[in-house]
Amino acid sequence: QLQSWLNFIATELHKGSSPLFNPALGDDAKAIFKMRLLDRLASFDQHMQSNAYVMGDTLTVADAYAFTITGWARALGLDISNLKAITAYRERMSARPAVQAAMKAEGLIK
């Protein structure tokens, strides 16, 4: 199941986000990619409604990956505030000391 979730994050969330970082992509194409990505994020949100972490109650490498990718939403102009389980998940992850240390080391927080 861990491999399955890593594949979902890589192929549906990460790969689905990638085109939106291309400044040459036209607005019509961006709208299509955003709609697809929001659909995938909604699926992930549904899973997270009954799970503290990707694999349930245990933190795994999938959480580090999912946290990173879902964090791109703001930079991509995606409003995911209605995805309450992802929002709660990101808050849980952000509160972890190791995550705070990593984000500080990367210059993402002070």
PDB file of N, CA and C in Angstrom:
ATOM      1  N   GLN A   1       0.817  -1.198   0.000  1.00  0.00           N
ATOM      2  CA  GLN A   1       0.000   0.000   0.000  1.00  0.00           C
ATOM      3  C   GLN A   1       0.858   1.259   0.000  1.00  0.00           C
ATOM      4  N   LEU A   2       1.992   1.203   0.685  1.00  0.00           N
ATOM      5  CA  LEU A   2       2.891   2.358   0.671  1.00  0.00           C
ATOM      6  C   LEU A   2       3.334   2.657  -0.758  1.00  0.00           C
ATOM      7  N   GLN A   3       3.736   1.636  -1.486  1.00  0.00           N
ATOM      8  CA  GLN A   3       4.167   1.838  -2.876  1.00  0.00           C
ATOM      9  C   GLN A   3       3.025   2.398  -3.719  1.00  0.00           C
ATOM     10  N   SER A   4       1.820   1.936  -3.474  1.00  0.00           N
ATOM     11  CA  SER A   4       0.660   2.434  -4.206  1.00  0.00           C
ATOM     12  C   SER A   4       0.455   3.927  -3.953  1.00  0.00           C
ATOM     13  N   TRP A   5       0.566   4.352  -2.696  1.00  0.00           N
ATOM     14  CA  TRP A   5       0.403   5.771  -2.378  1.00  0.00           C
ATOM     15  C   TRP A   5       1.548   6.607  -2.940  1.00  0.00           C
ATOM     16  N   LEU A   6       2.767   6.088  -2.878  1.00  0.00           N
ATOM     17  CA  LEU A   6       3.884   6.819  -3.478  1.00  0.00           C
ATOM     18  C   LEU A   6       3.661   6.994  -4.978  1.00  0.00           C
ATOM     19  N   ASN A   7       3.145   5.967  -5.623  1.00  0.00           N
ATOM     20  CA  ASN A   7       2.836   6.064  -7.055  1.00  0.00           C
ATOM     21  C   ASN A   7       1.743   7.092  -7.319  1.00  0.00           C
ATOM     22  N   PHE A   8       0.703   7.116  -6.495  1.00  0.00           N
ATOM     23  CA  PHE A   8      -0.369   8.095  -6.658  1.00  0.00           C
ATOM     24  C   PHE A   8       0.182   9.514  -6.503  1.00  0.00           C
ATOM     25  N   ILE A   9       0.966   9.726  -5.470  1.00  0.00           N
ATOM     26  CA  ILE A   9       1.527  11.061  -5.238  1.00  0.00           C
ATOM     27  C   ILE A   9       2.409  11.473  -6.416  1.00  0.00           C
ATOM     28  N   ALA A  10       3.239  10.532  -6.887  1.00  0.00           N
ATOM     29  CA  ALA A  10       4.159  10.837  -7.987  1.00  0.00           C
ATOM     30  C   ALA A  10       3.438  11.079  -9.307  1.00  0.00           C
ATOM     31  N   THR A  11       2.499  10.210  -9.640  1.00  0.00           N
ATOM     32  CA  THR A  11       1.907  10.274 -10.975  1.00  0.00           C
ATOM     33  C   THR A  11       0.665  11.145 -11.065  1.00  0.00           C
ATOM     34  N   GLU A  12      -0.059  11.277  -9.992  1.00  0.00           N
ATOM     35  CA  GLU A  12      -1.285  12.073 -10.039  1.00  0.00           C
ATOM     36  C   GLU A  12      -1.096  13.482  -9.485  1.00  0.00           C
ATOM     37  N   LEU A  13      -0.392  13.607  -8.375  1.00  0.00           N
ATOM     38  CA  LEU A  13      -0.221  14.925  -7.763  1.00  0.00           C
ATOM     39  C   LEU A  13       1.023  15.645  -8.281  1.00  0.00           C
ATOM     40  N   HIS A  14       2.171  14.992  -8.205  1.00  0.00           N
ATOM     41  CA  HIS A  14       3.424  15.624  -8.640  1.00  0.00           C
ATOM     42  C   HIS A  14       3.401  15.881 -10.150  1.00  0.00           C
ATOM     43  N   LYS A  15       3.171  14.832 -10.898  1.00  0.00           N
ATOM     44  CA  LYS A  15       3.164  14.972 -12.354  1.00  0.00           C
ATOM     45  C   LYS A  15       2.040  15.904 -12.807  1.00  0.00           C
ATOM     46  N   GLY A  16       0.907  15.864 -12.097  1.00  0.00           N
ATOM     47  CA  GLY A  16      -0.197  16.756 -12.435  1.00  0.00           C
ATOM     48  C   GLY A  16       0.095  18.212 -12.143  1.00  0.00           C
ATOM     49  N   SER A  17       0.995  18.457 -11.214  1.00  0.00           N
ATOM     50  CA  SER A  17       1.392  19.828 -10.868  1.00  0.00           C
ATOM     51  C   SER A  17       2.420  20.393 -11.832  1.00  0.00           C
ATOM     52  N   SER A  18       3.269  19.537 -12.339  1.00  0.00           N
ATOM     53  CA  SER A  18       4.425  19.974 -13.133  1.00  0.00           C
ATOM     54  C   SER A  18       4.103  20.926 -14.275  1.00  0.00           C
ATOM     55  N   PRO A  19       3.087  20.655 -15.098  1.00  0.00           N
ATOM     56  CA  PRO A  19       2.827  21.583 -16.208  1.00  0.00           C
ATOM     57  C   PRO A  19       2.488  23.000 -15.750  1.00  0.00           C
ATOM     58  N   LEU A  20       1.947  23.124 -14.540  1.00  0.00           N
ATOM     59  CA  LEU A  20       1.525  24.437 -14.058  1.00  0.00           C
ATOM     60  C   LEU A  20       2.708  25.333 -13.680  1.00  0.00           C
ATOM     61  N   PHE A  21       3.888  24.761 -13.592  1.00  0.00           N
ATOM     62  CA  PHE A  21       5.095  25.553 -13.339  1.00  0.00           C
ATOM     63  C   PHE A  21       5.684  26.129 -14.632  1.00  0.00           C
ATOM     64  N   ASN A  22       5.151  25.736 -15.779  1.00  0.00           N
ATOM     65  CA  ASN A  22       5.653  26.176 -17.075  1.00  0.00           C
ATOM     66  C   ASN A  22       5.046  27.534 -17.423  1.00  0.00           C
ATOM     67  N   PRO A  23       5.852  28.604 -17.434  1.00  0.00           N
ATOM     68  CA  PRO A  23       5.299  29.937 -17.722  1.00  0.00           C
ATOM     69  C   PRO A  23       4.795  30.080 -19.156  1.00  0.00           C
ATOM     70  N   ALA A  24       5.208  29.197 -20.046  1.00  0.00           N
ATOM     71  CA  ALA A  24       4.774  29.286 -21.436  1.00  0.00           C
ATOM     72  C   ALA A  24       3.406  28.640 -21.664  1.00  0.00           C
ATOM     73  N   LEU A  25       2.901  27.934 -20.658  1.00  0.00           N
ATOM     74  CA  LEU A  25       1.615  27.264 -20.798  1.00  0.00           C
ATOM     75  C   LEU A  25       0.496  28.300 -20.834  1.00  0.00           C
ATOM     76  N   GLY A  26      -0.376  28.189 -21.819  1.00  0.00           N
ATOM     77  CA  GLY A  26      -1.481  29.140 -21.965  1.00  0.00           C
ATOM     78  C   GLY A  26      -2.542  28.977 -20.889  1.00  0.00           C
ATOM     79  N   ASP A  27      -3.336  30.005 -20.720  1.00  0.00           N
ATOM     80  CA  ASP A  27      -4.361  30.005 -19.679  1.00  0.00           C
ATOM     81  C   ASP A  27      -5.389  28.884 -19.847  1.00  0.00           C
ATOM     82  N   ASP A  28      -5.764  28.584 -21.080  1.00  0.00           N
ATOM     83  CA  ASP A  28      -6.735  27.508 -21.316  1.00  0.00           C
ATOM     84  C   ASP A  28      -6.170  26.164 -20.872  1.00  0.00           C
ATOM     85  N   ALA A  29      -4.918  25.918 -21.215  1.00  0.00           N
ATOM     86  CA  ALA A  29      -4.279  24.659 -20.814  1.00  0.00           C
ATOM     87  C   ALA A  29      -4.120  24.607 -19.297  1.00  0.00           C
ATOM     88  N   LYS A  30      -3.728  25.735 -18.698  1.00  0.00           N
ATOM     89  CA  LYS A  30      -3.588  25.772 -17.238  1.00  0.00           C
ATOM     90  C   LYS A  30      -4.907  25.448 -16.552  1.00  0.00           C
ATOM     91  N   ALA A  31      -5.995  25.956 -17.089  1.00  0.00           N
ATOM     92  CA  ALA A  31      -7.315  25.694 -16.502  1.00  0.00           C
ATOM     93  C   ALA A  31      -7.628  24.204 -16.523  1.00  0.00           C
ATOM     94  N   ILE A  32      -7.285  23.535 -17.610  1.00  0.00           N
ATOM     95  CA  ILE A  32      -7.520  22.089 -17.714  1.00  0.00           C
ATOM     96  C   ILE A  32      -6.661  21.334 -16.702  1.00  0.00           C
ATOM     97  N   PHE A  33      -5.371  21.672 -16.628  1.00  0.00           N
ATOM     98  CA  PHE A  33      -4.485  20.995 -15.681  1.00  0.00           C
ATOM     99  C   PHE A  33      -4.896  21.266 -14.233  1.00  0.00           C
ATOM    100  N   LYS A  34      -5.329  22.490 -13.942  1.00  0.00           N
ATOM    101  CA  LYS A  34      -5.773  22.812 -12.584  1.00  0.00           C
ATOM    102  C   LYS A  34      -7.009  22.001 -12.209  1.00  0.00           C
ATOM    103  N   MET A  35      -7.948  21.882 -13.141  1.00  0.00           N
ATOM    104  CA  MET A  35      -9.162  21.117 -12.873  1.00  0.00           C
ATOM    105  C   MET A  35      -8.817  19.647 -12.599  1.00  0.00           C
ATOM    106  N   ARG A  36      -7.944  19.078 -13.393  1.00  0.00           N
ATOM    107  CA  ARG A  36      -7.528  17.684 -13.185  1.00  0.00           C
ATOM    108  C   ARG A  36      -6.818  17.513 -11.850  1.00  0.00           C
ATOM    109  N   LEU A  37      -5.925  18.437 -11.541  1.00  0.00           N
ATOM    110  CA  LEU A  37      -5.179  18.347 -10.293  1.00  0.00           C
ATOM    111  C   LEU A  37      -6.112  18.501  -9.095  1.00  0.00           C
ATOM    112  N   LEU A  38      -7.055  19.423  -9.167  1.00  0.00           N
ATOM    113  CA  LEU A  38      -8.008  19.594  -8.067  1.00  0.00           C
ATOM    114  C   LEU A  38      -8.849  18.334  -7.872  1.00  0.00           C
ATOM    115  N   ASP A  39      -9.171  17.652  -8.949  1.00  0.00           N
ATOM    116  CA  ASP A  39      -9.902  16.386  -8.852  1.00  0.00           C
ATOM    117  C   ASP A  39      -9.066  15.340  -8.117  1.00  0.00           C
ATOM    118  N   ARG A  40      -7.780  15.257  -8.429  1.00  0.00           N
ATOM    119  CA  ARG A  40      -6.884  14.304  -7.750  1.00  0.00           C
ATOM    120  C   ARG A  40      -6.701  14.679  -6.286  1.00  0.00           C
ATOM    121  N   LEU A  41      -6.582  15.969  -6.022  1.00  0.00           N
ATOM    122  CA  LEU A  41      -6.455  16.431  -4.644  1.00  0.00           C
ATOM    123  C   LEU A  41      -7.727  16.129  -3.847  1.00  0.00           C
ATOM    124  N   ALA A  42      -8.873  16.219  -4.489  1.00  0.00           N
ATOM    125  CA  ALA A  42     -10.134  15.870  -3.819  1.00  0.00           C
ATOM    126  C   ALA A  42     -10.153  14.390  -3.451  1.00  0.00           C
ATOM    127  N   SER A  43      -9.605  13.556  -4.309  1.00  0.00           N
ATOM    128  CA  SER A  43      -9.510  12.116  -3.992  1.00  0.00           C
ATOM    129  C   SER A  43      -8.594  11.893  -2.797  1.00  0.00           C
ATOM    130  N   PHE A  44      -7.483  12.597  -2.784  1.00  0.00           N
ATOM    131  CA  PHE A  44      -6.555  12.490  -1.664  1.00  0.00           C
ATOM    132  C   PHE A  44      -7.211  13.017  -0.385  1.00  0.00           C
ATOM    133  N   ASP A  45      -7.948  14.103  -0.504  1.00  0.00           N
ATOM    134  CA  ASP A  45      -8.659  14.663   0.644  1.00  0.00           C
ATOM    135  C   ASP A  45      -9.641  13.647   1.219  1.00  0.00           C
ATOM    136  N   GLN A  46     -10.340  12.950   0.354  1.00  0.00           N
ATOM    137  CA  GLN A  46     -11.291  11.935   0.809  1.00  0.00           C
ATOM    138  C   GLN A  46     -10.569  10.846   1.609  1.00  0.00           C
ATOM    139  N   HIS A  47      -9.430  10.402   1.123  1.00  0.00           N
ATOM    140  CA  HIS A  47      -8.643   9.399   1.849  1.00  0.00           C
ATOM    141  C   HIS A  47      -8.205   9.938   3.204  1.00  0.00           C
ATOM    142  N   MET A  48      -7.779  11.183   3.235  1.00  0.00           N
ATOM    143  CA  MET A  48      -7.246  11.757   4.469  1.00  0.00           C
ATOM    144  C   MET A  48      -8.330  12.056   5.503  1.00  0.00           C
ATOM    145  N   GLN A  49      -9.586  12.024   5.106  1.00  0.00           N
ATOM    146  CA  GLN A  49     -10.671  12.255   6.060  1.00  0.00           C
ATOM    147  C   GLN A  49     -10.698  11.203   7.164  1.00  0.00           C
ATOM    148  N   SER A  50     -10.196  10.026   6.880  1.00  0.00           N
ATOM    149  CA  SER A  50     -10.209   8.956   7.885  1.00  0.00           C
ATOM    150  C   SER A  50      -8.803   8.495   8.264  1.00  0.00           C
ATOM    151  N   ASN A  51      -7.795   9.308   7.955  1.00  0.00           N
ATOM    152  CA  ASN A  51      -6.411   8.942   8.238  1.00  0.00           C
ATOM    153  C   ASN A  51      -5.632  10.148   8.733  1.00  0.00           C
ATOM    154  N   ALA A  52      -4.864   9.958   9.791  1.00  0.00           N
ATOM    155  CA  ALA A  52      -4.005  11.032  10.286  1.00  0.00           C
ATOM    156  C   ALA A  52      -2.836  11.265   9.333  1.00  0.00           C
ATOM    157  N   TYR A  53      -2.326  10.168   8.776  1.00  0.00           N
ATOM    158  CA  TYR A  53      -1.216  10.215   7.825  1.00  0.00           C
ATOM    159  C   TYR A  53      -1.591   9.361   6.624  1.00  0.00           C
ATOM    160  N   VAL A  54      -0.803   9.430   5.579  1.00  0.00           N
ATOM    161  CA  VAL A  54      -1.136   8.723   4.340  1.00  0.00           C
ATOM    162  C   VAL A  54      -1.409   7.241   4.587  1.00  0.00           C
ATOM    163  N   MET A  55      -0.595   6.618   5.441  1.00  0.00           N
ATOM    164  CA  MET A  55      -0.750   5.187   5.700  1.00  0.00           C
ATOM    165  C   MET A  55      -1.572   4.900   6.957  1.00  0.00           C
ATOM    166  N   GLY A  56      -2.303   5.868   7.449  1.00  0.00           N
ATOM    167  CA  GLY A  56      -3.122   5.653   8.638  1.00  0.00           C
ATOM    168  C   GLY A  56      -2.592   6.455   9.804  1.00  0.00           C
ATOM    169  N   ASP A  57      -2.183   5.759  10.859  1.00  0.00           N
ATOM    170  CA  ASP A  57      -1.684   6.438  12.057  1.00  0.00           C
ATOM    171  C   ASP A  57      -0.168   6.535  12.114  1.00  0.00           C
ATOM    172  N   THR A  58       0.509   6.020  11.089  1.00  0.00           N
ATOM    173  CA  THR A  58       1.969   5.967  11.087  1.00  0.00           C
ATOM    174  C   THR A  58       2.551   6.900  10.029  1.00  0.00           C
ATOM    175  N   LEU A  59       3.466   7.737  10.442  1.00  0.00           N
ATOM    176  CA  LEU A  59       4.170   8.624   9.524  1.00  0.00           C
ATOM    177  C   LEU A  59       5.110   7.791   8.650  1.00  0.00           C
ATOM    178  N   THR A  60       5.091   8.038   7.343  1.00  0.00           N
ATOM    179  CA  THR A  60       5.978   7.336   6.412  1.00  0.00           C
ATOM    180  C   THR A  60       6.568   8.338   5.422  1.00  0.00           C
ATOM    181  N   VAL A  61       7.422   7.845   4.557  1.00  0.00           N
ATOM    182  CA  VAL A  61       8.025   8.671   3.520  1.00  0.00           C
ATOM    183  C   VAL A  61       6.944   9.284   2.619  1.00  0.00           C
ATOM    184  N   ALA A  62       5.811   8.624   2.486  1.00  0.00           N
ATOM    185  CA  ALA A  62       4.726   9.165   1.665  1.00  0.00           C
ATOM    186  C   ALA A  62       4.228  10.495   2.220  1.00  0.00           C
ATOM    187  N   ASP A  63       4.309  10.667   3.531  1.00  0.00           N
ATOM    188  CA  ASP A  63       3.867  11.923   4.132  1.00  0.00           C
ATOM    189  C   ASP A  63       4.802  13.076   3.782  1.00  0.00           C
ATOM    190  N   ALA A  64       6.098  12.813   3.798  1.00  0.00           N
ATOM    191  CA  ALA A  64       7.047  13.851   3.407  1.00  0.00           C
ATOM    192  C   ALA A  64       6.783  14.289   1.968  1.00  0.00           C
ATOM    193  N   TYR A  65       6.520  13.322   1.112  1.00  0.00           N
ATOM    194  CA  TYR A  65       6.263  13.607  -0.300  1.00  0.00           C
ATOM    195  C   TYR A  65       4.930  14.339  -0.462  1.00  0.00           C
ATOM    196  N   ALA A  66       3.872  13.836   0.155  1.00  0.00           N
ATOM    197  CA  ALA A  66       2.549  14.460   0.029  1.00  0.00           C
ATOM    198  C   ALA A  66       2.547  15.869   0.602  1.00  0.00           C
ATOM    199  N   PHE A  67       3.228  16.066   1.720  1.00  0.00           N
ATOM    200  CA  PHE A  67       3.299  17.390   2.335  1.00  0.00           C
ATOM    201  C   PHE A  67       3.960  18.381   1.381  1.00  0.00           C
ATOM    202  N   THR A  68       5.046  17.965   0.760  1.00  0.00           N
ATOM    203  CA  THR A  68       5.745  18.833  -0.186  1.00  0.00           C
ATOM    204  C   THR A  68       4.856  19.193  -1.369  1.00  0.00           C
ATOM    205  N   ILE A  69       4.252  18.191  -1.971  1.00  0.00           N
ATOM    206  CA  ILE A  69       3.460  18.420  -3.184  1.00  0.00           C
ATOM    207  C   ILE A  69       2.210  19.239  -2.889  1.00  0.00           C
ATOM    208  N   THR A  70       1.506  18.938  -1.793  1.00  0.00           N
ATOM    209  CA  THR A  70       0.306  19.718  -1.475  1.00  0.00           C
ATOM    210  C   THR A  70       0.665  21.153  -1.105  1.00  0.00           C
ATOM    211  N   GLY A  71       1.886  21.366  -0.673  1.00  0.00           N
ATOM    212  CA  GLY A  71       2.343  22.714  -0.363  1.00  0.00           C
ATOM    213  C   GLY A  71       2.524  23.591  -1.591  1.00  0.00           C
ATOM    214  N   TRP A  72       2.573  22.994  -2.749  1.00  0.00           N
ATOM    215  CA  TRP A  72       2.725  23.759  -3.980  1.00  0.00           C
ATOM    216  C   TRP A  72       1.430  24.470  -4.392  1.00  0.00           C
ATOM    217  N   ALA A  73       0.321  24.114  -3.797  1.00  0.00           N
ATOM    218  CA  ALA A  73      -0.982  24.637  -4.229  1.00  0.00           C
ATOM    219  C   ALA A  73      -0.990  26.166  -4.310  1.00  0.00           C
ATOM    220  N   ARG A  74      -0.499  26.806  -3.282  1.00  0.00           N
ATOM    221  CA  ARG A  74      -0.524  28.281  -3.262  1.00  0.00           C
ATOM    222  C   ARG A  74       0.279  28.851  -4.427  1.00  0.00           C
ATOM    223  N   ALA A  75       1.495  28.327  -4.628  1.00  0.00           N
ATOM    224  CA  ALA A  75       2.351  28.824  -5.713  1.00  0.00           C
ATOM    225  C   ALA A  75       1.717  28.602  -7.084  1.00  0.00           C
ATOM    226  N   LEU A  76       0.885  27.583  -7.177  1.00  0.00           N
ATOM    227  CA  LEU A  76       0.236  27.256  -8.451  1.00  0.00           C
ATOM    228  C   LEU A  76      -1.100  27.970  -8.630  1.00  0.00           C
ATOM    229  N   GLY A  77      -1.495  28.750  -7.638  1.00  0.00           N
ATOM    230  CA  GLY A  77      -2.760  29.473  -7.732  1.00  0.00           C
ATOM    231  C   GLY A  77      -3.978  28.593  -7.514  1.00  0.00           C
ATOM    232  N   LEU A  78      -3.792  27.506  -6.766  1.00  0.00           N
ATOM    233  CA  LEU A  78      -4.913  26.604  -6.473  1.00  0.00           C
ATOM    234  C   LEU A  78      -5.475  26.908  -5.091  1.00  0.00           C
ATOM    235  N   ASP A  79      -6.766  27.073  -5.010  1.00  0.00           N
ATOM    236  CA  ASP A  79      -7.425  27.263  -3.722  1.00  0.00           C
ATOM    237  C   ASP A  79      -7.882  25.891  -3.233  1.00  0.00           C
ATOM    238  N   ILE A  80      -7.205  25.376  -2.214  1.00  0.00           N
ATOM    239  CA  ILE A  80      -7.585  24.071  -1.659  1.00  0.00           C
ATOM    240  C   ILE A  80      -8.179  24.219  -0.262  1.00  0.00           C
ATOM    241  N   SER A  81      -8.609  25.430   0.069  1.00  0.00           N
ATOM    242  CA  SER A  81      -9.159  25.675   1.409  1.00  0.00           C
ATOM    243  C   SER A  81     -10.412  24.851   1.682  1.00  0.00           C
ATOM    244  N   ASN A  82     -11.119  24.440   0.641  1.00  0.00           N
ATOM    245  CA  ASN A  82     -12.309  23.600   0.824  1.00  0.00           C
ATOM    246  C   ASN A  82     -11.945  22.137   1.076  1.00  0.00           C
ATOM    247  N   LEU A  83     -10.698  21.772   0.890  1.00  0.00           N
ATOM    248  CA  LEU A  83     -10.248  20.402   1.142  1.00  0.00           C
ATOM    249  C   LEU A  83      -9.780  20.323   2.590  1.00  0.00           C
ATOM    250  N   LYS A  84     -10.752  20.204   3.468  1.00  0.00           N
ATOM    251  CA  LYS A  84     -10.517  20.331   4.913  1.00  0.00           C
ATOM    252  C   LYS A  84      -9.568  19.267   5.462  1.00  0.00           C
ATOM    253  N   ALA A  85      -9.632  18.047   4.949  1.00  0.00           N
ATOM    254  CA  ALA A  85      -8.752  16.990   5.461  1.00  0.00           C
ATOM    255  C   ALA A  85      -7.299  17.260   5.080  1.00  0.00           C
ATOM    256  N   ILE A  86      -7.074  17.779   3.883  1.00  0.00           N
ATOM    257  CA  ILE A  86      -5.709  18.131   3.481  1.00  0.00           C
ATOM    258  C   ILE A  86      -5.223  19.307   4.319  1.00  0.00           C
ATOM    259  N   THR A  87      -6.087  20.285   4.552  1.00  0.00           N
ATOM    260  CA  THR A  87      -5.714  21.430   5.380  1.00  0.00           C
ATOM    261  C   THR A  87      -5.315  20.974   6.779  1.00  0.00           C
ATOM    262  N   ALA A  88      -6.107  20.093   7.374  1.00  0.00           N
ATOM    263  CA  ALA A  88      -5.798  19.576   8.713  1.00  0.00           C
ATOM    264  C   ALA A  88      -4.506  18.754   8.688  1.00  0.00           C
ATOM    265  N   TYR A  89      -4.320  17.962   7.651  1.00  0.00           N
ATOM    266  CA  TYR A  89      -3.111  17.156   7.482  1.00  0.00           C
ATOM    267  C   TYR A  89      -1.876  18.062   7.404  1.00  0.00           C
ATOM    268  N   ARG A  90      -1.972  19.118   6.612  1.00  0.00           N
ATOM    269  CA  ARG A  90      -0.835  20.035   6.474  1.00  0.00           C
ATOM    270  C   ARG A  90      -0.537  20.721   7.801  1.00  0.00           C
ATOM    271  N   GLU A  91      -1.561  21.048   8.565  1.00  0.00           N
ATOM    272  CA  GLU A  91      -1.349  21.649   9.890  1.00  0.00           C
ATOM    273  C   GLU A  91      -0.661  20.654  10.826  1.00  0.00           C
ATOM    274  N   ARG A  92      -1.112  19.393  10.791  1.00  0.00           N
ATOM    275  CA  ARG A  92      -0.488  18.335  11.612  1.00  0.00           C
ATOM    276  C   ARG A  92       0.978  18.165  11.243  1.00  0.00           C
ATOM    277  N   MET A  93       1.235  18.085   9.958  1.00  0.00           N
ATOM    278  CA  MET A  93       2.613  17.909   9.497  1.00  0.00           C
ATOM    279  C   MET A  93       3.470  19.129   9.841  1.00  0.00           C
ATOM    280  N   SER A  94       2.919  20.319   9.648  1.00  0.00           N
ATOM    281  CA  SER A  94       3.663  21.554   9.923  1.00  0.00           C
ATOM    282  C   SER A  94       4.046  21.694  11.386  1.00  0.00           C
ATOM    283  N   ALA A  95       3.271  21.090  12.264  1.00  0.00           N
ATOM    284  CA  ALA A  95       3.538  21.185  13.704  1.00  0.00           C
ATOM    285  C   ALA A  95       4.663  20.258  14.152  1.00  0.00           C
ATOM    286  N   ARG A  96       5.073  19.333  13.315  1.00  0.00           N
ATOM    287  CA  ARG A  96       6.127  18.392  13.686  1.00  0.00           C
ATOM    288  C   ARG A  96       7.479  19.120  13.726  1.00  0.00           C
ATOM    289  N   PRO A  97       8.234  18.946  14.806  1.00  0.00           N
ATOM    290  CA  PRO A  97       9.531  19.637  14.930  1.00  0.00           C
ATOM    291  C   PRO A  97      10.478  19.372  13.758  1.00  0.00           C
ATOM    292  N   ALA A  98      10.526  18.154  13.266  1.00  0.00           N
ATOM    293  CA  ALA A  98      11.436  17.857  12.151  1.00  0.00           C
ATOM    294  C   ALA A  98      11.001  18.576  10.876  1.00  0.00           C
ATOM    295  N   VAL A  99       9.717  18.704  10.672  1.00  0.00           N
ATOM    296  CA  VAL A  99       9.215  19.430   9.500  1.00  0.00           C
ATOM    297  C   VAL A  99       9.549  20.913   9.645  1.00  0.00           C
ATOM    298  N   GLN A 100       9.344  21.461  10.837  1.00  0.00           N
ATOM    299  CA  GLN A 100       9.690  22.865  11.065  1.00  0.00           C
ATOM    300  C   GLN A 100      11.176  23.104  10.838  1.00  0.00           C
ATOM    301  N   ALA A 101      12.021  22.194  11.319  1.00  0.00           N
ATOM    302  CA  ALA A 101      13.464  22.335  11.127  1.00  0.00           C
ATOM    303  C   ALA A 101      13.826  22.279   9.646  1.00  0.00           C
ATOM    304  N   ALA A 102      13.223  21.358   8.914  1.00  0.00           N
ATOM    305  CA  ALA A 102      13.507  21.236   7.476  1.00  0.00           C
ATOM    306  C   ALA A 102      13.047  22.482   6.729  1.00  0.00           C
ATOM    307  N   MET A 103      11.874  22.977   7.067  1.00  0.00           N
ATOM    308  CA  MET A 103      11.367  24.171   6.393  1.00  0.00           C
ATOM    309  C   MET A 103      12.220  25.390   6.716  1.00  0.00           C
ATOM    310  N   LYS A 104      12.700  25.465   7.930  1.00  0.00           N
ATOM    311  CA  LYS A 104      13.584  26.571   8.314  1.00  0.00           C
ATOM    312  C   LYS A 104      14.907  26.469   7.550  1.00  0.00           C
ATOM    313  N   ALA A 105      15.463  25.265   7.466  1.00  0.00           N
ATOM    314  CA  ALA A 105      16.716  25.052   6.744  1.00  0.00           C
ATOM    315  C   ALA A 105      16.582  25.411   5.260  1.00  0.00           C
ATOM    316  N   GLU A 106      15.383  25.211   4.704  1.00  0.00           N
ATOM    317  CA  GLU A 106      15.131  25.525   3.293  1.00  0.00           C
ATOM    318  C   GLU A 106      14.742  26.987   3.086  1.00  0.00           C
ATOM    319  N   GLY A 107      14.632  27.738   4.172  1.00  0.00           N
ATOM    320  CA  GLY A 107      14.254  29.142   4.057  1.00  0.00           C
ATOM    321  C   GLY A 107      12.768  29.364   3.805  1.00  0.00           C
ATOM    322  N   LEU A 108      11.960  28.350   4.092  1.00  0.00           N
ATOM    323  CA  LEU A 108      10.523  28.450   3.851  1.00  0.00           C
ATOM    324  C   LEU A 108       9.780  29.093   5.014  1.00  0.00           C
ATOM    325  N   ILE A 109      10.384  29.049   6.193  1.00  0.00           N
ATOM    326  CA  ILE A 109       9.844  29.735   7.371  1.00  0.00           C
ATOM    327  C   ILE A 109      11.010  30.342   8.134  1.00  0.00           C
ATOM    328  N   LYS A 110      10.708  31.281   9.006  1.00  0.00           N
ATOM    329  CA  LYS A 110      11.772  31.905   9.816  1.00  0.00           C
ATOM    330  C   LYS A 110      11.863  31.253  11.163  1.00  0.00           C
TER     331      LYS A 110
END
